[in-house]
Amino acid sequence: MAQGAQVCRLAFGRVAYVEKGEGPAALFIHGWSLNGYQWRGALDRLHTQRRCIAPDMMSMGWTENAGRTGNFTGDSSGDVRTTARQIADRRR
């Protein structure tokens, strides 16, 4: 797992993510067949201004799905919202 990565356990799987900084949250979503690591440069530059969160999308990177065949696009677009809310709630 990437240095500093954390895991958020949800009903649809274990979502790995990197979080850096304080303040208003900025969610960094990667494209198909990539992972949150692609945002490392942006997180390094922006973490002094924002709380930067870069999850690995379902079945990509270090994220594991719970036996389902979907991913964060199409049929599972609500997973992005659920993941963001769960991660945000961890700091409250």
PDB file of N, CA and C in Angstrom:
ATOM      1  N   MET A   1       0.849  -1.169   0.000  1.00  0.00           N
ATOM      2  CA  MET A   1       0.000   0.000   0.000  1.00  0.00           C
ATOM      3  C   MET A   1       0.898   1.236   0.000  1.00  0.00           C
ATOM      4  N   ALA A   2       0.442   2.302  -0.610  1.00  0.00           N
ATOM      5  CA  ALA A   2       1.209   3.549  -0.681  1.00  0.00           C
ATOM      6  C   ALA A   2       1.474   4.100   0.718  1.00  0.00           C
ATOM      7  N   GLN A   3       2.606   4.755   0.864  1.00  0.00           N
ATOM      8  CA  GLN A   3       2.953   5.334   2.155  1.00  0.00           C
ATOM      9  C   GLN A   3       1.873   6.327   2.588  1.00  0.00           C
ATOM     10  N   GLY A   4       1.417   6.203   3.812  1.00  0.00           N
ATOM     11  CA  GLY A   4       0.400   7.096   4.348  1.00  0.00           C
ATOM     12  C   GLY A   4      -1.017   6.725   3.971  1.00  0.00           C
ATOM     13  N   ALA A   5      -1.191   5.627   3.234  1.00  0.00           N
ATOM     14  CA  ALA A   5      -2.535   5.224   2.822  1.00  0.00           C
ATOM     15  C   ALA A   5      -3.329   4.701   4.005  1.00  0.00           C
ATOM     16  N   GLN A   6      -4.618   4.916   3.945  1.00  0.00           N
ATOM     17  CA  GLN A   6      -5.553   4.451   4.965  1.00  0.00           C
ATOM     18  C   GLN A   6      -6.629   3.619   4.277  1.00  0.00           C
ATOM     19  N   VAL A   7      -7.425   2.927   5.057  1.00  0.00           N
ATOM     20  CA  VAL A   7      -8.503   2.113   4.506  1.00  0.00           C
ATOM     21  C   VAL A   7      -9.816   2.484   5.169  1.00  0.00           C
ATOM     22  N   CYS A   8     -10.833   2.636   4.348  1.00  0.00           N
ATOM     23  CA  CYS A   8     -12.191   2.922   4.801  1.00  0.00           C
ATOM     24  C   CYS A   8     -13.036   1.689   4.467  1.00  0.00           C
ATOM     25  N   ARG A   9     -13.579   1.035   5.482  1.00  0.00           N
ATOM     26  CA  ARG A   9     -14.392  -0.160   5.255  1.00  0.00           C
ATOM     27  C   ARG A   9     -15.843   0.240   5.031  1.00  0.00           C
ATOM     28  N   LEU A  10     -16.366  -0.164   3.882  1.00  0.00           N
ATOM     29  CA  LEU A  10     -17.748   0.137   3.513  1.00  0.00           C
ATOM     30  C   LEU A  10     -18.459  -1.151   3.132  1.00  0.00           C
ATOM     31  N   ALA A  11     -19.761  -1.103   2.976  1.00  0.00           N
ATOM     32  CA  ALA A  11     -20.541  -2.299   2.638  1.00  0.00           C
ATOM     33  C   ALA A  11     -20.095  -2.922   1.317  1.00  0.00           C
ATOM     34  N   PHE A  12     -19.621  -2.113   0.400  1.00  0.00           N
ATOM     35  CA  PHE A  12     -19.253  -2.628  -0.917  1.00  0.00           C
ATOM     36  C   PHE A  12     -17.774  -2.929  -1.055  1.00  0.00           C
ATOM     37  N   GLY A  13     -16.990  -2.745   0.002  1.00  0.00           N
ATOM     38  CA  GLY A  13     -15.577  -3.096  -0.051  1.00  0.00           C
ATOM     39  C   GLY A  13     -14.715  -2.239   0.850  1.00  0.00           C
ATOM     40  N   ARG A  14     -13.414  -2.471   0.764  1.00  0.00           N
ATOM     41  CA  ARG A  14     -12.420  -1.696   1.515  1.00  0.00           C
ATOM     42  C   ARG A  14     -11.780  -0.702   0.558  1.00  0.00           C
ATOM     43  N   VAL A  15     -11.994   0.577   0.809  1.00  0.00           N
ATOM     44  CA  VAL A  15     -11.492   1.626  -0.070  1.00  0.00           C
ATOM     45  C   VAL A  15     -10.199   2.194   0.515  1.00  0.00           C
ATOM     46  N   ALA A  16      -9.115   2.071  -0.233  1.00  0.00           N
ATOM     47  CA  ALA A  16      -7.839   2.648   0.174  1.00  0.00           C
ATOM     48  C   ALA A  16      -7.792   4.097  -0.307  1.00  0.00           C
ATOM     49  N   TYR A  17      -7.201   4.962   0.514  1.00  0.00           N
ATOM     50  CA  TYR A  17      -7.101   6.369   0.120  1.00  0.00           C
ATOM     51  C   TYR A  17      -5.922   7.027   0.817  1.00  0.00           C
ATOM     52  N   VAL A  18      -5.477   8.126   0.239  1.00  0.00           N
ATOM     53  CA  VAL A  18      -4.447   8.960   0.853  1.00  0.00           C
ATOM     54  C   VAL A  18      -5.104  10.289   1.168  1.00  0.00           C
ATOM     55  N   GLU A  19      -4.797  10.815   2.342  1.00  0.00           N
ATOM     56  CA  GLU A  19      -5.377  12.084   2.784  1.00  0.00           C
ATOM     57  C   GLU A  19      -4.252  12.965   3.295  1.00  0.00           C
ATOM     58  N   LYS A  20      -4.284  14.222   2.883  1.00  0.00           N
ATOM     59  CA  LYS A  20      -3.238  15.152   3.274  1.00  0.00           C
ATOM     60  C   LYS A  20      -3.821  16.541   3.431  1.00  0.00           C
ATOM     61  N   GLY A  21      -3.438  17.262   4.469  1.00  0.00           N
ATOM     62  CA  GLY A  21      -3.852  18.644   4.635  1.00  0.00           C
ATOM     63  C   GLY A  21      -5.048  18.845   5.536  1.00  0.00           C
ATOM     64  N   GLU A  22      -5.416  20.102   5.684  1.00  0.00           N
ATOM     65  CA  GLU A  22      -6.528  20.538   6.521  1.00  0.00           C
ATOM     66  C   GLU A  22      -7.391  21.513   5.731  1.00  0.00           C
ATOM     67  N   GLY A  23      -8.581  21.773   6.236  1.00  0.00           N
ATOM     68  CA  GLY A  23      -9.460  22.756   5.609  1.00  0.00           C
ATOM     69  C   GLY A  23     -10.534  22.117   4.761  1.00  0.00           C
ATOM     70  N   PRO A  24     -11.123  22.902   3.858  1.00  0.00           N
ATOM     71  CA  PRO A  24     -12.171  22.371   2.979  1.00  0.00           C
ATOM     72  C   PRO A  24     -11.630  21.199   2.156  1.00  0.00           C
ATOM     73  N   ALA A  25     -12.441  20.175   2.011  1.00  0.00           N
ATOM     74  CA  ALA A  25     -11.989  18.973   1.308  1.00  0.00           C
ATOM     75  C   ALA A  25     -11.999  19.143  -0.205  1.00  0.00           C
ATOM     76  N   ALA A  26     -11.013  18.524  -0.832  1.00  0.00           N
ATOM     77  CA  ALA A  26     -10.943  18.400  -2.289  1.00  0.00           C
ATOM     78  C   ALA A  26     -10.760  16.916  -2.583  1.00  0.00           C
ATOM     79  N   LEU A  27     -11.676  16.340  -3.348  1.00  0.00           N
ATOM     80  CA  LEU A  27     -11.655  14.914  -3.668  1.00  0.00           C
ATOM     81  C   LEU A  27     -11.034  14.732  -5.044  1.00  0.00           C
ATOM     82  N   PHE A  28     -10.000  13.907  -5.136  1.00  0.00           N
ATOM     83  CA  PHE A  28      -9.284  13.669  -6.382  1.00  0.00           C
ATOM     84  C   PHE A  28      -9.638  12.279  -6.906  1.00  0.00           C
ATOM     85  N   ILE A  29     -10.344  12.228  -8.028  1.00  0.00           N
ATOM     86  CA  ILE A  29     -10.809  10.967  -8.612  1.00  0.00           C
ATOM     87  C   ILE A  29      -9.964  10.635  -9.841  1.00  0.00           C
ATOM     88  N   HIS A  30      -9.370   9.456  -9.849  1.00  0.00           N
ATOM     89  CA  HIS A  30      -8.539   9.041 -10.982  1.00  0.00           C
ATOM     90  C   HIS A  30      -9.378   8.412 -12.084  1.00  0.00           C
ATOM     91  N   GLY A  31      -8.765   8.246 -13.233  1.00  0.00           N
ATOM     92  CA  GLY A  31      -9.431   7.638 -14.384  1.00  0.00           C
ATOM     93  C   GLY A  31      -9.322   6.121 -14.373  1.00  0.00           C
ATOM     94  N   TRP A  32      -9.936   5.522 -15.369  1.00  0.00           N
ATOM     95  CA  TRP A  32      -9.980   4.076 -15.496  1.00  0.00           C
ATOM     96  C   TRP A  32      -8.585   3.488 -15.612  1.00  0.00           C
ATOM     97  N   SER A  33      -8.355   2.416 -14.926  1.00  0.00           N
ATOM     98  CA  SER A  33      -7.126   1.611 -14.877  1.00  0.00           C
ATOM     99  C   SER A  33      -5.957   2.328 -14.200  1.00  0.00           C
ATOM    100  N   LEU A  34      -6.224   3.386 -13.464  1.00  0.00           N
ATOM    101  CA  LEU A  34      -5.193   4.093 -12.710  1.00  0.00           C
ATOM    102  C   LEU A  34      -5.460   3.896 -11.224  1.00  0.00           C
ATOM    103  N   ASN A  35      -4.846   4.713 -10.385  1.00  0.00           N
ATOM    104  CA  ASN A  35      -5.145   4.706  -8.951  1.00  0.00           C
ATOM    105  C   ASN A  35      -4.847   6.081  -8.377  1.00  0.00           C
ATOM    106  N   GLY A  36      -5.127   6.261  -7.096  1.00  0.00           N
ATOM    107  CA  GLY A  36      -4.960   7.558  -6.457  1.00  0.00           C
ATOM    108  C   GLY A  36      -3.532   8.085  -6.476  1.00  0.00           C
ATOM    109  N   TYR A  37      -2.561   7.202  -6.700  1.00  0.00           N
ATOM    110  CA  TYR A  37      -1.156   7.610  -6.734  1.00  0.00           C
ATOM    111  C   TYR A  37      -0.902   8.666  -7.808  1.00  0.00           C
ATOM    112  N   GLN A  38      -1.694   8.667  -8.855  1.00  0.00           N
ATOM    113  CA  GLN A  38      -1.487   9.641  -9.931  1.00  0.00           C
ATOM    114  C   GLN A  38      -1.626  11.077  -9.422  1.00  0.00           C
ATOM    115  N   TRP A  39      -2.289  11.283  -8.287  1.00  0.00           N
ATOM    116  CA  TRP A  39      -2.516  12.627  -7.751  1.00  0.00           C
ATOM    117  C   TRP A  39      -1.454  13.080  -6.751  1.00  0.00           C
ATOM    118  N   ARG A  40      -0.396  12.298  -6.545  1.00  0.00           N
ATOM    119  CA  ARG A  40       0.600  12.618  -5.519  1.00  0.00           C
ATOM    120  C   ARG A  40       1.193  14.011  -5.667  1.00  0.00           C
ATOM    121  N   GLY A  41       1.470  14.445  -6.890  1.00  0.00           N
ATOM    122  CA  GLY A  41       2.023  15.782  -7.110  1.00  0.00           C
ATOM    123  C   GLY A  41       1.038  16.874  -6.728  1.00  0.00           C
ATOM    124  N   ALA A  42      -0.211  16.693  -7.100  1.00  0.00           N
ATOM    125  CA  ALA A  42      -1.243  17.681  -6.764  1.00  0.00           C
ATOM    126  C   ALA A  42      -1.440  17.757  -5.251  1.00  0.00           C
ATOM    127  N   LEU A  43      -1.460  16.607  -4.582  1.00  0.00           N
ATOM    128  CA  LEU A  43      -1.618  16.599  -3.128  1.00  0.00           C
ATOM    129  C   LEU A  43      -0.447  17.296  -2.453  1.00  0.00           C
ATOM    130  N   ASP A  44       0.757  17.073  -2.953  1.00  0.00           N
ATOM    131  CA  ASP A  44       1.932  17.739  -2.388  1.00  0.00           C
ATOM    132  C   ASP A  44       1.842  19.255  -2.527  1.00  0.00           C
ATOM    133  N   ARG A  45       1.298  19.720  -3.639  1.00  0.00           N
ATOM    134  CA  ARG A  45       1.201  21.168  -3.869  1.00  0.00           C
ATOM    135  C   ARG A  45       0.008  21.809  -3.163  1.00  0.00           C
ATOM    136  N   LEU A  46      -1.083  21.100  -3.024  1.00  0.00           N
ATOM    137  CA  LEU A  46      -2.328  21.704  -2.534  1.00  0.00           C
ATOM    138  C   LEU A  46      -2.665  21.439  -1.065  1.00  0.00           C
ATOM    139  N   HIS A  47      -1.957  20.544  -0.415  1.00  0.00           N
ATOM    140  CA  HIS A  47      -2.346  20.160   0.952  1.00  0.00           C
ATOM    141  C   HIS A  47      -2.216  21.306   1.965  1.00  0.00           C
ATOM    142  N   THR A  48      -1.506  22.369   1.621  1.00  0.00           N
ATOM    143  CA  THR A  48      -1.425  23.517   2.534  1.00  0.00           C
ATOM    144  C   THR A  48      -2.673  24.393   2.441  1.00  0.00           C
ATOM    145  N   GLN A  49      -3.480  24.182   1.396  1.00  0.00           N
ATOM    146  CA  GLN A  49      -4.680  24.988   1.193  1.00  0.00           C
ATOM    147  C   GLN A  49      -5.974  24.210   1.387  1.00  0.00           C
ATOM    148  N   ARG A  50      -5.914  22.893   1.256  1.00  0.00           N
ATOM    149  CA  ARG A  50      -7.109  22.052   1.291  1.00  0.00           C
ATOM    150  C   ARG A  50      -6.823  20.736   1.997  1.00  0.00           C
ATOM    151  N   ARG A  51      -7.873  20.086   2.385  1.00  0.00           N
ATOM    152  CA  ARG A  51      -7.795  18.698   2.834  1.00  0.00           C
ATOM    153  C   ARG A  51      -7.948  17.855   1.576  1.00  0.00           C
ATOM    154  N   CYS A  52      -6.873  17.284   1.103  1.00  0.00           N
ATOM    155  CA  CYS A  52      -6.854  16.543  -0.159  1.00  0.00           C
ATOM    156  C   CYS A  52      -7.075  15.055   0.103  1.00  0.00           C
ATOM    157  N   ILE A  53      -8.024  14.469  -0.601  1.00  0.00           N
ATOM    158  CA  ILE A  53      -8.370  13.063  -0.443  1.00  0.00           C
ATOM    159  C   ILE A  53      -8.326  12.401  -1.821  1.00  0.00           C
ATOM    160  N   ALA A  54      -7.498  11.358  -1.943  1.00  0.00           N
ATOM    161  CA  ALA A  54      -7.360  10.648  -3.217  1.00  0.00           C
ATOM    162  C   ALA A  54      -7.597   9.155  -2.992  1.00  0.00           C
ATOM    163  N   PRO A  55      -8.831   8.678  -3.232  1.00  0.00           N
ATOM    164  CA  PRO A  55      -9.104   7.247  -3.058  1.00  0.00           C
ATOM    165  C   PRO A  55      -8.711   6.445  -4.297  1.00  0.00           C
ATOM    166  N   ASP A  56      -8.461   5.160  -4.086  1.00  0.00           N
ATOM    167  CA  ASP A  56      -8.329   4.222  -5.205  1.00  0.00           C
ATOM    168  C   ASP A  56      -9.746   3.756  -5.520  1.00  0.00           C
ATOM    169  N   MET A  57     -10.160   3.892  -6.747  1.00  0.00           N
ATOM    170  CA  MET A  57     -11.503   3.480  -7.135  1.00  0.00           C
ATOM    171  C   MET A  57     -11.659   1.966  -7.010  1.00  0.00           C
ATOM    172  N   MET A  58     -12.893   1.504  -7.012  1.00  0.00           N
ATOM    173  CA  MET A  58     -13.203   0.103  -6.776  1.00  0.00           C
ATOM    174  C   MET A  58     -12.433  -0.829  -7.709  1.00  0.00           C
ATOM    175  N   SER A  59     -11.794  -1.844  -7.107  1.00  0.00           N
ATOM    176  CA  SER A  59     -11.000  -2.869  -7.801  1.00  0.00           C
ATOM    177  C   SER A  59      -9.737  -2.318  -8.456  1.00  0.00           C
ATOM    178  N   MET A  60      -9.316  -1.127  -8.073  1.00  0.00           N
ATOM    179  CA  MET A  60      -8.097  -0.541  -8.615  1.00  0.00           C
ATOM    180  C   MET A  60      -7.182  -0.157  -7.461  1.00  0.00           C
ATOM    181  N   GLY A  61      -5.898  -0.156  -7.723  1.00  0.00           N
ATOM    182  CA  GLY A  61      -4.948   0.175  -6.672  1.00  0.00           C
ATOM    183  C   GLY A  61      -5.083  -0.809  -5.519  1.00  0.00           C
ATOM    184  N   TRP A  62      -5.148  -0.299  -4.300  1.00  0.00           N
ATOM    185  CA  TRP A  62      -5.237  -1.129  -3.104  1.00  0.00           C
ATOM    186  C   TRP A  62      -6.669  -1.320  -2.611  1.00  0.00           C
ATOM    187  N   THR A  63      -7.650  -0.810  -3.344  1.00  0.00           N
ATOM    188  CA  THR A  63      -9.044  -0.978  -2.952  1.00  0.00           C
ATOM    189  C   THR A  63      -9.526  -2.372  -3.336  1.00  0.00           C
ATOM    190  N   GLU A  64     -10.311  -2.967  -2.447  1.00  0.00           N
ATOM    191  CA  GLU A  64     -10.855  -4.311  -2.681  1.00  0.00           C
ATOM    192  C   GLU A  64     -12.378  -4.256  -2.656  1.00  0.00           C
ATOM    193  N   ASN A  65     -13.013  -4.849  -3.658  1.00  0.00           N
ATOM    194  CA  ASN A  65     -14.473  -4.879  -3.620  1.00  0.00           C
ATOM    195  C   ASN A  65     -14.940  -6.089  -2.822  1.00  0.00           C
ATOM    196  N   ALA A  66     -16.175  -6.065  -2.409  1.00  0.00           N
ATOM    197  CA  ALA A  66     -16.737  -7.133  -1.568  1.00  0.00           C
ATOM    198  C   ALA A  66     -17.426  -8.183  -2.425  1.00  0.00           C
ATOM    199  N   GLY A  67     -16.746  -8.650  -3.446  1.00  0.00           N
ATOM    200  CA  GLY A  67     -17.272  -9.714  -4.281  1.00  0.00           C
ATOM    201  C   GLY A  67     -18.223  -9.282  -5.371  1.00  0.00           C
ATOM    202  N   ARG A  68     -18.366  -8.008  -5.543  1.00  0.00           N
ATOM    203  CA  ARG A  68     -19.284  -7.545  -6.580  1.00  0.00           C
ATOM    204  C   ARG A  68     -18.485  -7.185  -7.828  1.00  0.00           C
ATOM    205  N   THR A  69     -19.115  -7.123  -8.970  1.00  0.00           N
ATOM    206  CA  THR A  69     -18.396  -6.919 -10.216  1.00  0.00           C
ATOM    207  C   THR A  69     -18.371  -5.476 -10.687  1.00  0.00           C
ATOM    208  N   GLY A  70     -19.019  -4.586  -9.988  1.00  0.00           N
ATOM    209  CA  GLY A  70     -19.053  -3.184 -10.405  1.00  0.00           C
ATOM    210  C   GLY A  70     -17.787  -2.440 -10.050  1.00  0.00           C
ATOM    211  N   ASN A  71     -17.722  -1.199 -10.493  1.00  0.00           N
ATOM    212  CA  ASN A  71     -16.637  -0.306 -10.106  1.00  0.00           C
ATOM    213  C   ASN A  71     -17.276   1.050  -9.818  1.00  0.00           C
ATOM    214  N   PHE A  72     -16.484   2.093  -9.712  1.00  0.00           N
ATOM    215  CA  PHE A  72     -17.027   3.400  -9.350  1.00  0.00           C
ATOM    216  C   PHE A  72     -17.682   4.130 -10.517  1.00  0.00           C
ATOM    217  N   THR A  73     -17.784   3.528 -11.664  1.00  0.00           N
ATOM    218  CA  THR A  73     -18.428   4.193 -12.801  1.00  0.00           C
ATOM    219  C   THR A  73     -19.716   3.463 -13.148  1.00  0.00           C
ATOM    220  N   GLY A  74     -20.588   4.095 -13.863  1.00  0.00           N
ATOM    221  CA  GLY A  74     -21.819   3.440 -14.300  1.00  0.00           C
ATOM    222  C   GLY A  74     -22.722   3.043 -13.164  1.00  0.00           C
ATOM    223  N   ASP A  75     -22.865   1.748 -12.931  1.00  0.00           N
ATOM    224  CA  ASP A  75     -23.830   1.250 -11.957  1.00  0.00           C
ATOM    225  C   ASP A  75     -23.470   1.582 -10.518  1.00  0.00           C
ATOM    226  N   SER A  76     -22.271   2.028 -10.235  1.00  0.00           N
ATOM    227  CA  SER A  76     -21.850   2.269  -8.852  1.00  0.00           C
ATOM    228  C   SER A  76     -21.433   3.708  -8.588  1.00  0.00           C
ATOM    229  N   SER A  77     -21.969   4.637  -9.341  1.00  0.00           N
ATOM    230  CA  SER A  77     -21.541   6.032  -9.173  1.00  0.00           C
ATOM    231  C   SER A  77     -21.841   6.577  -7.778  1.00  0.00           C
ATOM    232  N   GLY A  78     -22.841   6.041  -7.110  1.00  0.00           N
ATOM    233  CA  GLY A  78     -23.147   6.475  -5.747  1.00  0.00           C
ATOM    234  C   GLY A  78     -22.055   6.096  -4.758  1.00  0.00           C
ATOM    235  N   ASP A  79     -21.189   5.148  -5.113  1.00  0.00           N
ATOM    236  CA  ASP A  79     -20.096   4.751  -4.233  1.00  0.00           C
ATOM    237  C   ASP A  79     -19.124   5.895  -3.975  1.00  0.00           C
ATOM    238  N   VAL A  80     -18.938   6.758  -4.946  1.00  0.00           N
ATOM    239  CA  VAL A  80     -18.037   7.896  -4.764  1.00  0.00           C
ATOM    240  C   VAL A  80     -18.563   8.797  -3.649  1.00  0.00           C
ATOM    241  N   ARG A  81     -19.844   9.084  -3.678  1.00  0.00           N
ATOM    242  CA  ARG A  81     -20.461   9.921  -2.646  1.00  0.00           C
ATOM    243  C   ARG A  81     -20.377   9.241  -1.278  1.00  0.00           C
ATOM    244  N   THR A  82     -20.674   7.959  -1.229  1.00  0.00           N
ATOM    245  CA  THR A  82     -20.616   7.217   0.028  1.00  0.00           C
ATOM    246  C   THR A  82     -19.202   7.217   0.595  1.00  0.00           C
ATOM    247  N   THR A  83     -18.222   6.983  -0.254  1.00  0.00           N
ATOM    248  CA  THR A  83     -16.821   6.978   0.181  1.00  0.00           C
ATOM    249  C   THR A  83     -16.419   8.344   0.710  1.00  0.00           C
ATOM    250  N   ALA A  84     -16.736   9.396  -0.020  1.00  0.00           N
ATOM    251  CA  ALA A  84     -16.371  10.757   0.397  1.00  0.00           C
ATOM    252  C   ALA A  84     -17.004  11.102   1.744  1.00  0.00           C
ATOM    253  N   ARG A  85     -18.261  10.744   1.927  1.00  0.00           N
ATOM    254  CA  ARG A  85     -18.942  11.036   3.200  1.00  0.00           C
ATOM    255  C   ARG A  85     -18.310  10.275   4.360  1.00  0.00           C
ATOM    256  N   GLN A  86     -18.009   9.008   4.130  1.00  0.00           N
ATOM    257  CA  GLN A  86     -17.420   8.177   5.192  1.00  0.00           C
ATOM    258  C   GLN A  86     -16.044   8.710   5.595  1.00  0.00           C
ATOM    259  N   ILE A  87     -15.229   9.081   4.631  1.00  0.00           N
ATOM    260  CA  ILE A  87     -13.903   9.614   4.934  1.00  0.00           C
ATOM    261  C   ILE A  87     -14.035  10.950   5.646  1.00  0.00           C
ATOM    262  N   ALA A  88     -14.948  11.801   5.173  1.00  0.00           N
ATOM    263  CA  ALA A  88     -15.144  13.108   5.796  1.00  0.00           C
ATOM    264  C   ALA A  88     -15.585  12.966   7.241  1.00  0.00           C
ATOM    265  N   ASP A  89     -16.458  12.001   7.518  1.00  0.00           N
ATOM    266  CA  ASP A  89     -16.960  11.788   8.876  1.00  0.00           C
ATOM    267  C   ASP A  89     -15.878  11.320   9.840  1.00  0.00           C
ATOM    268  N   ARG A  90     -14.794  10.766   9.344  1.00  0.00           N
ATOM    269  CA  ARG A  90     -13.719  10.283  10.213  1.00  0.00           C
ATOM    270  C   ARG A  90     -13.016  11.415  10.941  1.00  0.00           C
ATOM    271  N   ARG A  91     -13.112  12.630  10.448  1.00  0.00           N
ATOM    272  CA  ARG A  91     -12.426  13.759  11.057  1.00  0.00           C
ATOM    273  C   ARG A  91     -13.326  14.535  12.005  1.00  0.00           C
ATOM    274  N   ARG A  92     -14.577  14.208  12.103  1.00  0.00           N
ATOM    275  CA  ARG A  92     -15.519  14.961  12.947  1.00  0.00           C
ATOM    276  C   ARG A  92     -15.454  14.514  14.366  1.00  0.00           C
TER     277      ARG A  92
END
